[in-house]
Protein backbone atom coordinates (compact mmCIF):
# COMPACT_ATOMS: atom_id res chain seq x y z
CA MET A 1 -17.49 -25.75 -7.51
CA ASN A 2 -15.84 -29.04 -6.51
CA ASP A 3 -18.38 -31.47 -5.02
CA HIS A 4 -15.69 -33.98 -4.13
CA SER A 5 -13.52 -31.80 -1.93
CA PRO A 6 -13.97 -29.71 1.21
CA ILE A 7 -12.09 -27.00 -0.70
CA GLU A 8 -14.23 -24.90 -3.01
CA VAL A 9 -12.11 -21.75 -3.53
CA ILE A 10 -8.47 -21.16 -4.45
CA SER A 11 -7.23 -17.65 -3.62
CA PHE A 12 -4.13 -16.24 -5.29
CA ASP A 13 -1.60 -13.58 -4.60
CA LEU A 14 -0.52 -11.94 -7.92
CA ASP A 15 2.99 -10.48 -8.02
CA ASP A 16 5.71 -13.16 -7.85
CA THR A 17 2.98 -15.80 -7.66
CA LEU A 18 1.44 -15.74 -11.12
CA TRP A 19 4.15 -13.61 -12.74
CA PRO A 20 7.63 -12.30 -11.87
CA LEU A 21 7.71 -8.67 -10.83
CA ARG A 22 11.28 -7.62 -10.14
CA ALA A 23 12.58 -6.92 -13.65
CA THR A 24 9.33 -5.24 -14.69
CA LEU A 25 9.31 -3.03 -11.62
CA GLU A 26 12.95 -2.08 -12.01
CA HIS A 27 12.37 -1.05 -15.62
CA ALA A 28 9.26 0.93 -14.67
CA GLU A 29 11.06 2.75 -11.85
CA LEU A 30 14.07 3.60 -13.96
CA ASP A 31 11.93 4.96 -16.78
CA TYR A 32 9.89 6.89 -14.20
CA PHE A 33 12.98 8.49 -12.68
CA ARG A 34 14.51 9.38 -16.04
CA TRP A 35 11.28 10.96 -17.21
CA LEU A 36 10.97 13.00 -14.01
CA THR A 37 14.52 14.32 -14.41
CA GLU A 38 13.62 15.48 -17.92
CA GLN A 39 10.76 17.50 -16.46
CA CYS A 40 12.73 18.81 -13.48
CA SER A 41 16.51 18.96 -13.92
CA ALA A 42 16.99 19.72 -10.23
CA LEU A 43 15.91 16.19 -9.43
CA ALA A 44 18.95 14.71 -11.17
CA ASP A 45 21.21 17.25 -9.43
CA HIS A 46 20.06 16.27 -5.96
CA HIS A 47 18.73 12.72 -6.12
CA SER A 48 19.32 9.23 -7.46
CA LEU A 49 16.62 6.66 -8.00
CA GLN A 50 17.62 5.10 -4.68
CA SER A 51 17.48 8.35 -2.73
CA MET A 52 14.07 9.09 -4.27
CA ARG A 53 12.89 5.73 -2.95
CA GLU A 54 14.29 6.61 0.48
CA TYR A 55 12.47 9.96 0.32
CA ARG A 56 9.23 8.10 -0.39
CA GLN A 57 9.74 5.87 2.64
CA HIS A 58 10.45 8.92 4.82
CA PHE A 59 7.33 10.59 3.42
CA LEU A 60 5.31 7.50 4.40
CA GLN A 61 6.55 7.84 7.98
CA GLN A 62 5.07 11.34 8.00
CA GLN A 63 1.87 10.20 6.24
CA PRO A 64 1.02 6.77 7.71
CA GLY A 65 -2.50 6.98 6.29
CA LEU A 66 -0.97 6.13 2.93
CA ARG A 67 0.46 2.82 4.16
CA HIS A 68 -1.97 0.76 2.08
CA GLN A 69 -2.24 3.27 -0.78
CA ILE A 70 0.97 2.67 -2.66
CA SER A 71 -0.13 4.47 -5.82
CA GLN A 72 -1.20 7.60 -3.98
CA LEU A 73 1.97 7.40 -1.88
CA ARG A 74 4.07 7.52 -5.02
CA ILE A 75 2.10 10.44 -6.46
CA GLU A 76 2.08 12.54 -3.27
CA SER A 77 5.66 11.88 -2.24
CA THR A 78 6.92 12.74 -5.73
CA GLN A 79 4.87 15.91 -5.75
CA GLN A 80 6.33 16.96 -2.41
CA LEU A 81 9.88 16.11 -3.54
CA LEU A 82 9.52 18.17 -6.71
CA THR A 83 8.03 21.02 -4.72
CA ASP A 84 10.97 20.91 -2.29
CA LEU A 85 13.28 21.20 -5.28
CA GLY A 86 11.43 24.25 -6.58
CA CYS A 87 10.07 22.53 -9.68
CA HIS A 88 7.14 24.19 -11.37
CA ASP A 89 3.95 22.23 -11.99
CA ALA A 90 4.94 19.60 -9.41
CA GLN A 91 1.38 18.29 -9.09
CA ALA A 92 0.88 17.77 -12.83
CA ILE A 93 4.35 16.28 -13.31
CA SER A 94 3.82 13.84 -10.44
CA GLN A 95 0.49 12.65 -11.82
CA GLN A 96 1.82 12.34 -15.36
CA GLY A 97 4.86 10.51 -14.10
CA PHE A 98 2.69 8.02 -12.22
CA ASP A 99 0.51 7.48 -15.27
CA ARG A 100 3.65 6.57 -17.20
CA PHE A 101 4.98 4.40 -14.35
CA ILE A 102 1.79 2.34 -13.92
CA ILE A 103 1.63 1.49 -17.64
CA ASN A 104 5.15 0.06 -17.48
CA ARG A 105 4.56 -1.58 -14.11
CA ASN A 106 1.67 -3.54 -15.64
CA LYS A 107 3.67 -4.85 -18.63
CA ILE A 108 3.94 -8.20 -16.91
CA THR A 109 4.40 -11.63 -18.43
CA PRO A 110 2.87 -14.53 -16.50
CA TYR A 111 5.01 -17.56 -15.69
CA PRO A 112 4.79 -20.04 -18.61
CA GLU A 113 2.63 -22.45 -16.58
CA SER A 114 0.27 -19.90 -15.02
CA SER A 115 -2.49 -19.90 -17.64
CA ALA A 116 -2.62 -23.70 -17.88
CA VAL A 117 -2.63 -24.06 -14.09
CA LEU A 118 -5.47 -21.58 -13.66
CA SER A 119 -7.42 -23.20 -16.47
CA GLU A 120 -7.07 -26.64 -14.85
CA LEU A 121 -7.99 -25.42 -11.38
CA ALA A 122 -10.95 -23.37 -12.67
CA ARG A 123 -12.60 -26.59 -13.83
CA HIS A 124 -12.89 -27.72 -10.21
CA TYR A 125 -12.68 -24.62 -7.97
CA ARG A 126 -13.72 -21.01 -7.82
CA LEU A 127 -10.71 -18.72 -8.22
CA ILE A 128 -10.17 -15.32 -6.60
CA ALA A 129 -7.18 -13.00 -6.10
CA ILE A 130 -5.95 -10.85 -3.21
CA THR A 131 -3.04 -8.51 -3.77
CA ASN A 132 -1.06 -5.95 -1.77
CA GLY A 133 0.25 -4.43 -5.00
CA ASN A 134 -1.18 -2.15 -7.66
CA ALA A 135 -1.13 -4.68 -10.49
CA ASP A 136 -4.06 -4.56 -12.91
CA VAL A 137 -5.00 -8.21 -13.41
CA THR A 138 -7.03 -7.25 -16.48
CA GLN A 139 -3.76 -6.52 -18.27
CA SER A 140 -2.25 -9.88 -17.44
CA GLY A 141 -4.29 -12.05 -19.77
CA LEU A 142 -5.44 -14.05 -16.74
CA ALA A 143 -8.42 -11.98 -15.54
CA THR A 144 -11.07 -14.28 -17.01
CA PHE A 145 -10.15 -17.01 -14.55
CA PHE A 146 -11.05 -14.97 -11.47
CA GLU A 147 -14.42 -14.21 -9.92
CA PHE A 148 -12.93 -11.09 -8.34
CA CYS A 149 -9.68 -9.49 -7.29
CA LEU A 150 -9.25 -7.52 -4.06
CA SER A 151 -6.44 -5.03 -3.63
CA ALA A 152 -4.97 -3.38 -0.55
CA GLU A 153 -5.69 0.02 -2.10
CA GLN A 154 -9.35 -0.88 -2.58
CA LEU A 155 -9.72 -2.07 1.02
CA ASN A 156 -7.19 0.28 2.66
CA ALA A 157 -5.82 -2.83 4.29
CA SER A 158 -2.96 -5.14 3.35
CA LYS A 159 -2.21 -8.80 3.96
CA PRO A 160 -1.52 -10.15 6.57
CA MET A 161 -4.23 -8.00 8.12
CA ALA A 162 -7.57 -9.76 8.57
CA GLU A 163 -9.64 -7.45 6.34
CA PRO A 164 -8.56 -8.76 2.92
CA PHE A 165 -9.33 -12.33 3.86
CA LEU A 166 -12.59 -11.59 5.68
CA THR A 167 -13.77 -9.33 2.86
CA ALA A 168 -13.08 -12.12 0.39
CA GLN A 169 -15.13 -14.54 2.48
CA GLN A 170 -18.03 -12.10 2.65
CA LEU A 171 -17.93 -11.24 -1.01
CA GLY A 172 -17.53 -14.85 -2.13
CA GLY A 173 -19.92 -16.36 0.37
CA PHE A 174 -17.55 -19.09 1.56
CA GLY A 175 -16.15 -20.14 4.95
CA PRO A 176 -12.51 -20.33 6.04
CA HIS A 177 -12.49 -24.14 5.85
CA GLN A 178 -13.40 -23.97 2.15
CA VAL A 179 -10.46 -21.99 0.82
CA ILE A 180 -6.74 -22.33 0.08
CA HIS A 181 -4.61 -19.22 -0.39
CA VAL A 182 -1.53 -19.44 -2.61
CA GLY A 183 1.27 -16.88 -2.34
CA ASP A 184 5.01 -16.32 -2.33
CA HIS A 185 5.25 -14.28 0.91
CA LEU A 186 5.37 -16.31 4.10
CA HIS A 187 4.11 -13.54 6.39
CA HIS A 188 1.69 -11.66 4.16
CA ASP A 189 0.19 -14.67 2.40
CA ILE A 190 0.68 -17.79 4.50
CA ALA A 191 0.57 -16.42 8.05
CA GLY A 192 -2.16 -13.98 7.09
CA ALA A 193 -4.33 -16.71 5.60
CA GLN A 194 -3.74 -19.18 8.40
CA GLN A 195 -4.62 -16.60 11.04
CA GLN A 196 -8.11 -16.52 9.52
CA GLY A 197 -8.42 -20.29 9.43
CA TRP A 198 -7.55 -20.63 5.73
CA GLN A 199 -5.15 -23.20 4.32
CA GLY A 200 -1.95 -21.72 2.88
CA ILE A 201 0.27 -23.04 0.08
CA TRP A 202 3.63 -21.31 -0.04
CA LEU A 203 5.27 -20.71 -3.45
CA ASP A 204 8.85 -20.84 -2.27
CA HIS A 205 11.04 -19.57 -5.10
CA ASN A 206 14.22 -19.69 -2.99
CA LEU A 207 14.21 -23.30 -1.83
CA GLY A 208 13.81 -22.60 1.87
CA LEU A 209 16.23 -19.69 2.16
CA GLU A 210 13.46 -17.45 3.45
CA ARG A 211 11.97 -20.06 5.78
CA ASP A 212 10.57 -18.89 9.10
CA ASP A 213 10.23 -21.63 11.70
CA SER A 214 7.30 -19.77 13.28
CA ILE A 215 5.21 -20.31 10.12
CA THR A 216 4.33 -23.76 8.83
CA PRO A 217 2.66 -23.72 5.40
CA ASP A 218 0.06 -26.40 4.76
CA ALA A 219 1.99 -27.25 1.56
CA ILE A 220 5.07 -25.92 -0.25
CA ILE A 221 5.70 -25.69 -3.96
CA HIS A 222 8.68 -24.29 -5.83
CA HIS A 223 7.02 -23.32 -9.14
CA ILE A 224 3.43 -22.63 -10.05
CA GLY A 225 3.23 -25.76 -12.22
CA GLN A 226 3.28 -27.86 -9.05
CA LEU A 227 0.13 -26.23 -7.70
CA PRO A 228 -2.63 -28.53 -9.03
CA GLN A 229 -1.02 -31.61 -7.46
CA ALA A 230 -0.43 -29.75 -4.19
CA VAL A 231 -4.06 -28.64 -4.09
CA SER A 232 -5.28 -32.16 -4.83
CA THR A 233 -3.05 -33.68 -2.15
CA LEU A 234 -4.08 -31.10 0.45
CA ALA A 235 -7.78 -31.39 -0.39
CA ASN A 236 -7.61 -35.20 -0.05
CA LYS A 237 -5.86 -34.85 3.29
CA LEU A 238 -8.53 -32.45 4.55
CA ARG A 239 -11.31 -34.76 3.35
CA HIS A 240 -9.91 -37.62 5.41
CA ASP A 241 -8.99 -35.63 8.56
């Protein structure tokens, strides 16, 4: 805990905040699709990876209760797709395919500065994580820095909804004025946090190209290595306000 700052807790998004996701996810999805076509040849005859994604989104429209359950959505939509195609053992294939997918999805490599940044911040602040994804932080090599990690699947609620932020407050025993949330998504992370009275630091990878004039982050950084200085500057500002 930092006795010299009004800020006691730093909250982190995970995907595209502490590690890049795109290439890992693309590889995981391609491997997943190829494996499924080996189990059910009709899939390759009727679908591409893109059309399977579109099927999943259509399935979600029919099953809105899965909105925050992205793992279960993948399993159930794939099972239904394989069933529609007349594939035998659709349930088992869907589960086995997901098990393969999630292993590859979690083969992430943190940004080069992430470990050092977390280590530095952990000397002064409590660290937590809140994610909308299905990343397993224990496989990242960074888990030891965090008191806890909350996921949308665990809570059945996704940022920018209030529940993830309020649950973190309750679990961590801190108030909204004591925490900064760091994330790459303006709406999910920054607007969501600010709506609950938290401070929000935006990790803007695209140098303002995704700016939204309706959302004003409390600070902006362009790579994770800039975070300790941004936290220090913001904490000093808050102490003197």
